[in-house]
Amino acid sequence: MYRIGFGVDSHRLLAPGVQPEKKLMLGGVHIPDHAGVDSHSDGDLILHALVNALSSAIGEKSIGQFFPDSDPKWNGVASSKMVEHVWELVREKGYCVGNVVFSLECKTPKISPHESAIKQSIAALLDIPLDAVAVHATTGEKLAAFGKGEGIYCQATILLHK
């Protein structure tokens, strides 16, 4: 049996110097020399899209229902903890990952210098081979807020199988 999951997330980039304690995290990887995003948790939108993709593939609720931003216990939490929780639900139902694909849109930061580290981080989180993870990015060509450098948008598609 196969299941396909799809998840999306986006966040507004903080202006440089605003909340300097907020680090930019993408796919479990710290992106140095870049402002973080406006978020309740650590704001790792790649992992947030992954949570939604995993949960949608098994017919579960969305990230906001699992980890509501109205609950202070999720303030600043590492998004990897969210992935671990939902990944456990997926495994309990007997599913494994076939592959997972991430597509990002952002003017900044450039994703390609971090692609390998992001892939390694995702592969480790899900205990899957490196070639089962793909990370693609486009600049958005100055269209929409993401293409103008105001935020980052991510889509995740995952194939699960028993």
C-alpha atoms as a PDB file:
ATOM      1  CA  MET A   1       0.000   0.000   0.000  1.00  0.00           C
ATOM      2  CA  TYR A   2       1.201   3.470  -0.904  1.00  0.00           C
ATOM      3  CA  ARG A   3       0.298   6.856   0.532  1.00  0.00           C
ATOM      4  CA  ILE A   4       1.285  10.289  -0.744  1.00  0.00           C
ATOM      5  CA  GLY A   5       1.432  13.257   1.597  1.00  0.00           C
ATOM      6  CA  PHE A   6       1.699  16.945   0.824  1.00  0.00           C
ATOM      7  CA  GLY A   7       2.644  19.755   3.172  1.00  0.00           C
ATOM      8  CA  VAL A   8       3.229  23.487   2.897  1.00  0.00           C
ATOM      9  CA  ASP A   9       4.641  26.136   5.184  1.00  0.00           C
ATOM     10  CA  SER A  10       5.889  29.690   4.888  1.00  0.00           C
ATOM     11  CA  HIS A  11       7.266  32.322   7.209  1.00  0.00           C
ATOM     12  CA  ARG A  12       8.106  35.999   6.997  1.00  0.00           C
ATOM     13  CA  LEU A  13      11.807  36.785   7.340  1.00  0.00           C
ATOM     14  CA  LEU A  14      12.706  39.061  10.231  1.00  0.00           C
ATOM     15  CA  ALA A  15      14.556  42.264   9.450  1.00  0.00           C
ATOM     16  CA  PRO A  16      18.270  42.105  10.306  1.00  0.00           C
ATOM     17  CA  GLY A  17      18.781  42.993  13.964  1.00  0.00           C
ATOM     18  CA  VAL A  18      15.169  42.236  14.927  1.00  0.00           C
ATOM     19  CA  GLN A  19      15.067  39.367  17.418  1.00  0.00           C
ATOM     20  CA  PRO A  20      18.757  38.506  16.844  1.00  0.00           C
ATOM     21  CA  GLU A  21      18.341  35.468  19.095  1.00  0.00           C
ATOM     22  CA  LYS A  22      16.099  33.928  16.388  1.00  0.00           C
ATOM     23  CA  LYS A  23      18.334  31.809  14.180  1.00  0.00           C
ATOM     24  CA  LEU A  24      17.311  30.732  10.698  1.00  0.00           C
ATOM     25  CA  MET A  25      16.773  26.980  10.684  1.00  0.00           C
ATOM     26  CA  LEU A  26      16.021  25.085   7.467  1.00  0.00           C
ATOM     27  CA  GLY A  27      15.650  21.325   7.477  1.00  0.00           C
ATOM     28  CA  GLY A  28      17.297  21.085  10.880  1.00  0.00           C
ATOM     29  CA  VAL A  29      20.318  23.091   9.704  1.00  0.00           C
ATOM     30  CA  HIS A  30      21.324  26.490  11.077  1.00  0.00           C
ATOM     31  CA  ILE A  31      21.801  28.972   8.227  1.00  0.00           C
ATOM     32  CA  PRO A  32      24.466  31.366   9.526  1.00  0.00           C
ATOM     33  CA  ASP A  33      24.669  35.087   8.814  1.00  0.00           C
ATOM     34  CA  HIS A  34      20.971  35.343   8.070  1.00  0.00           C
ATOM     35  CA  ALA A  35      18.028  36.710  10.046  1.00  0.00           C
ATOM     36  CA  GLY A  36      15.501  34.206  11.360  1.00  0.00           C
ATOM     37  CA  VAL A  37      11.793  34.023  10.635  1.00  0.00           C
ATOM     38  CA  ASP A  38       8.753  35.276  12.498  1.00  0.00           C
ATOM     39  CA  SER A  39       7.432  32.164  14.217  1.00  0.00           C
ATOM     40  CA  HIS A  40       6.241  30.614  17.457  1.00  0.00           C
ATOM     41  CA  SER A  41       8.601  27.619  17.353  1.00  0.00           C
ATOM     42  CA  ASP A  42      12.109  27.672  15.885  1.00  0.00           C
ATOM     43  CA  GLY A  43      10.399  28.442  12.553  1.00  0.00           C
ATOM     44  CA  ASP A  44      11.987  25.635  10.533  1.00  0.00           C
ATOM     45  CA  LEU A  45       9.548  25.770   7.643  1.00  0.00           C
ATOM     46  CA  ILE A  46      11.096  22.777   5.844  1.00  0.00           C
ATOM     47  CA  LEU A  47      10.423  20.605   8.885  1.00  0.00           C
ATOM     48  CA  HIS A  48       6.967  22.158   9.311  1.00  0.00           C
ATOM     49  CA  ALA A  49       6.094  21.252   5.711  1.00  0.00           C
ATOM     50  CA  LEU A  50       7.449  17.753   6.413  1.00  0.00           C
ATOM     51  CA  VAL A  51       5.197  17.395   9.475  1.00  0.00           C
ATOM     52  CA  ASN A  52       2.179  18.324   7.351  1.00  0.00           C
ATOM     53  CA  ALA A  53       3.234  15.959   4.549  1.00  0.00           C
ATOM     54  CA  LEU A  54       3.702  13.046   6.964  1.00  0.00           C
ATOM     55  CA  SER A  55       0.445  13.701   8.785  1.00  0.00           C
ATOM     56  CA  SER A  56      -1.588  14.188   5.592  1.00  0.00           C
ATOM     57  CA  ALA A  57      -0.307  10.885   4.192  1.00  0.00           C
ATOM     58  CA  ILE A  58      -1.842   9.001   7.115  1.00  0.00           C
ATOM     59  CA  GLY A  59      -4.997  11.116   7.370  1.00  0.00           C
ATOM     60  CA  GLU A  60      -3.957  12.900  10.547  1.00  0.00           C
ATOM     61  CA  LYS A  61      -4.451  16.509  11.639  1.00  0.00           C
ATOM     62  CA  SER A  62      -2.224  19.417  10.646  1.00  0.00           C
ATOM     63  CA  ILE A  63       0.788  20.871  12.430  1.00  0.00           C
ATOM     64  CA  GLY A  64      -1.309  23.677  13.954  1.00  0.00           C
ATOM     65  CA  GLN A  65      -3.602  21.120  15.579  1.00  0.00           C
ATOM     66  CA  PHE A  66      -0.753  18.974  16.888  1.00  0.00           C
ATOM     67  CA  PHE A  67       1.339  21.928  18.065  1.00  0.00           C
ATOM     68  CA  PRO A  68      -0.894  25.024  18.456  1.00  0.00           C
ATOM     69  CA  ASP A  69       0.888  28.359  18.634  1.00  0.00           C
ATOM     70  CA  SER A  70      -1.560  29.308  21.387  1.00  0.00           C
ATOM     71  CA  ASP A  71       0.136  26.759  23.670  1.00  0.00           C
ATOM     72  CA  PRO A  72       3.222  28.264  25.361  1.00  0.00           C
ATOM     73  CA  LYS A  73       4.903  24.853  25.671  1.00  0.00           C
ATOM     74  CA  TRP A  74       5.667  24.979  21.914  1.00  0.00           C
ATOM     75  CA  ASN A  75       7.278  28.439  22.115  1.00  0.00           C
ATOM     76  CA  GLY A  76      10.775  28.157  20.649  1.00  0.00           C
ATOM     77  CA  VAL A  77      10.640  24.352  20.403  1.00  0.00           C
ATOM     78  CA  ALA A  78      12.954  22.631  17.926  1.00  0.00           C
ATOM     79  CA  SER A  79      10.893  21.581  14.921  1.00  0.00           C
ATOM     80  CA  SER A  80      12.746  18.264  14.868  1.00  0.00           C
ATOM     81  CA  LYS A  81      10.712  17.349  17.977  1.00  0.00           C
ATOM     82  CA  MET A  82       7.537  17.906  15.952  1.00  0.00           C
ATOM     83  CA  VAL A  83       8.831  15.676  13.154  1.00  0.00           C
ATOM     84  CA  GLU A  84       9.789  12.968  15.653  1.00  0.00           C
ATOM     85  CA  HIS A  85       6.276  12.968  17.126  1.00  0.00           C
ATOM     86  CA  VAL A  86       4.465  12.660  13.780  1.00  0.00           C
ATOM     87  CA  TRP A  87       7.073  10.249  12.356  1.00  0.00           C
ATOM     88  CA  GLU A  88       6.318   7.927  15.289  1.00  0.00           C
ATOM     89  CA  LEU A  89       2.611   7.956  14.339  1.00  0.00           C
ATOM     90  CA  VAL A  90       3.545   7.058  10.757  1.00  0.00           C
ATOM     91  CA  ARG A  91       5.756   4.168  11.895  1.00  0.00           C
ATOM     92  CA  GLU A  92       3.039   2.895  14.252  1.00  0.00           C
ATOM     93  CA  LYS A  93       0.804   2.512  11.191  1.00  0.00           C
ATOM     94  CA  GLY A  94       3.505   0.409   9.530  1.00  0.00           C
ATOM     95  CA  TYR A  95       4.697   2.876   6.890  1.00  0.00           C
ATOM     96  CA  CYS A  96       8.196   3.580   5.602  1.00  0.00           C
ATOM     97  CA  VAL A  97       9.376   6.491   3.462  1.00  0.00           C
ATOM     98  CA  GLY A  98       9.946   5.879  -0.234  1.00  0.00           C
ATOM     99  CA  ASN A  99      11.163   9.400  -0.888  1.00  0.00           C
ATOM    100  CA  VAL A 100      10.545  13.000   0.099  1.00  0.00           C
ATOM    101  CA  VAL A 101      10.881  16.123  -2.043  1.00  0.00           C
ATOM    102  CA  PHE A 102      11.096  19.730  -0.858  1.00  0.00           C
ATOM    103  CA  SER A 103      10.579  22.712  -3.132  1.00  0.00           C
ATOM    104  CA  LEU A 104      11.397  26.136  -1.723  1.00  0.00           C
ATOM    105  CA  GLU A 105      10.798  29.616  -3.045  1.00  0.00           C
ATOM    106  CA  CYS A 106      12.895  32.465  -1.695  1.00  0.00           C
ATOM    107  CA  LYS A 107      15.111  35.252  -2.902  1.00  0.00           C
ATOM    108  CA  THR A 108      17.274  34.821   0.158  1.00  0.00           C
ATOM    109  CA  PRO A 109      19.016  32.836   1.549  1.00  0.00           C
ATOM    110  CA  LYS A 110      20.517  30.902  -1.319  1.00  0.00           C
ATOM    111  CA  ILE A 111      19.627  27.269  -0.668  1.00  0.00           C
ATOM    112  CA  SER A 112      22.218  25.484  -2.825  1.00  0.00           C
ATOM    113  CA  PRO A 113      25.167  26.031  -0.423  1.00  0.00           C
ATOM    114  CA  HIS A 114      23.127  24.304   2.306  1.00  0.00           C
ATOM    115  CA  GLU A 115      21.396  21.630   0.215  1.00  0.00           C
ATOM    116  CA  SER A 116      23.731  18.781   1.173  1.00  0.00           C
ATOM    117  CA  ALA A 117      23.503  19.507   4.914  1.00  0.00           C
ATOM    118  CA  ILE A 118      19.701  19.795   4.718  1.00  0.00           C
ATOM    119  CA  LYS A 119      19.445  16.481   2.868  1.00  0.00           C
ATOM    120  CA  GLN A 120      21.688  14.797   5.443  1.00  0.00           C
ATOM    121  CA  SER A 121      19.631  16.209   8.310  1.00  0.00           C
ATOM    122  CA  ILE A 122      16.306  15.035   6.822  1.00  0.00           C
ATOM    123  CA  ALA A 123      17.719  11.605   5.963  1.00  0.00           C
ATOM    124  CA  ALA A 124      18.952  11.219   9.545  1.00  0.00           C
ATOM    125  CA  LEU A 125      15.624  12.363  11.062  1.00  0.00           C
ATOM    126  CA  LEU A 126      13.655   9.840   8.996  1.00  0.00           C
ATOM    127  CA  ASP A 127      16.374   7.152   8.937  1.00  0.00           C
ATOM    128  CA  ILE A 128      16.272   6.946   5.136  1.00  0.00           C
ATOM    129  CA  PRO A 129      18.970   6.907   2.439  1.00  0.00           C
ATOM    130  CA  LEU A 130      20.343  10.238   1.287  1.00  0.00           C
ATOM    131  CA  ASP A 131      19.133   9.620  -2.270  1.00  0.00           C
ATOM    132  CA  ALA A 132      15.548   9.419  -0.964  1.00  0.00           C
ATOM    133  CA  VAL A 133      15.658  13.157  -0.153  1.00  0.00           C
ATOM    134  CA  ALA A 134      15.550  15.968  -2.726  1.00  0.00           C
ATOM    135  CA  VAL A 135      15.778  19.690  -2.014  1.00  0.00           C
ATOM    136  CA  HIS A 136      15.039  22.145  -4.820  1.00  0.00           C
ATOM    137  CA  ALA A 137      14.778  25.915  -4.717  1.00  0.00           C
ATOM    138  CA  THR A 138      13.801  28.784  -6.955  1.00  0.00           C
ATOM    139  CA  THR A 139      14.184  32.509  -6.412  1.00  0.00           C
ATOM    140  CA  GLY A 140      10.662  33.410  -7.461  1.00  0.00           C
ATOM    141  CA  GLU A 141      12.042  35.986  -9.913  1.00  0.00           C
ATOM    142  CA  LYS A 142      10.920  38.921  -7.727  1.00  0.00           C
ATOM    143  CA  LEU A 143       7.282  37.805  -7.903  1.00  0.00           C
ATOM    144  CA  ALA A 144       5.233  37.519  -4.711  1.00  0.00           C
ATOM    145  CA  ALA A 145       6.628  38.163  -1.245  1.00  0.00           C
ATOM    146  CA  PHE A 146       8.989  35.174  -1.363  1.00  0.00           C
ATOM    147  CA  GLY A 147      10.584  36.282  -4.616  1.00  0.00           C
ATOM    148  CA  LYS A 148      11.029  39.771  -3.171  1.00  0.00           C
ATOM    149  CA  GLY A 149      12.984  38.510  -0.164  1.00  0.00           C
ATOM    150  CA  GLU A 150      10.221  39.013   2.397  1.00  0.00           C
ATOM    151  CA  GLY A 151       9.866  35.366   3.364  1.00  0.00           C
ATOM    152  CA  ILE A 152      10.413  31.716   2.533  1.00  0.00           C
ATOM    153  CA  TYR A 153       7.874  29.222   1.182  1.00  0.00           C
ATOM    154  CA  CYS A 154       8.245  25.436   1.182  1.00  0.00           C
ATOM    155  CA  GLN A 155       6.252  22.545  -0.263  1.00  0.00           C
ATOM    156  CA  ALA A 156       6.933  18.948   0.769  1.00  0.00           C
ATOM    157  CA  THR A 157       5.732  15.806  -0.979  1.00  0.00           C
ATOM    158  CA  ILE A 158       6.329  12.396   0.555  1.00  0.00           C
ATOM    159  CA  LEU A 159       5.738   8.842  -0.623  1.00  0.00           C
ATOM    160  CA  LEU A 160       5.037   6.278   2.093  1.00  0.00           C
ATOM    161  CA  HIS A 161       4.755   2.532   1.601  1.00  0.00           C
ATOM    162  CA  LYS A 162       4.090  -0.610   3.628  1.00  0.00           C
END
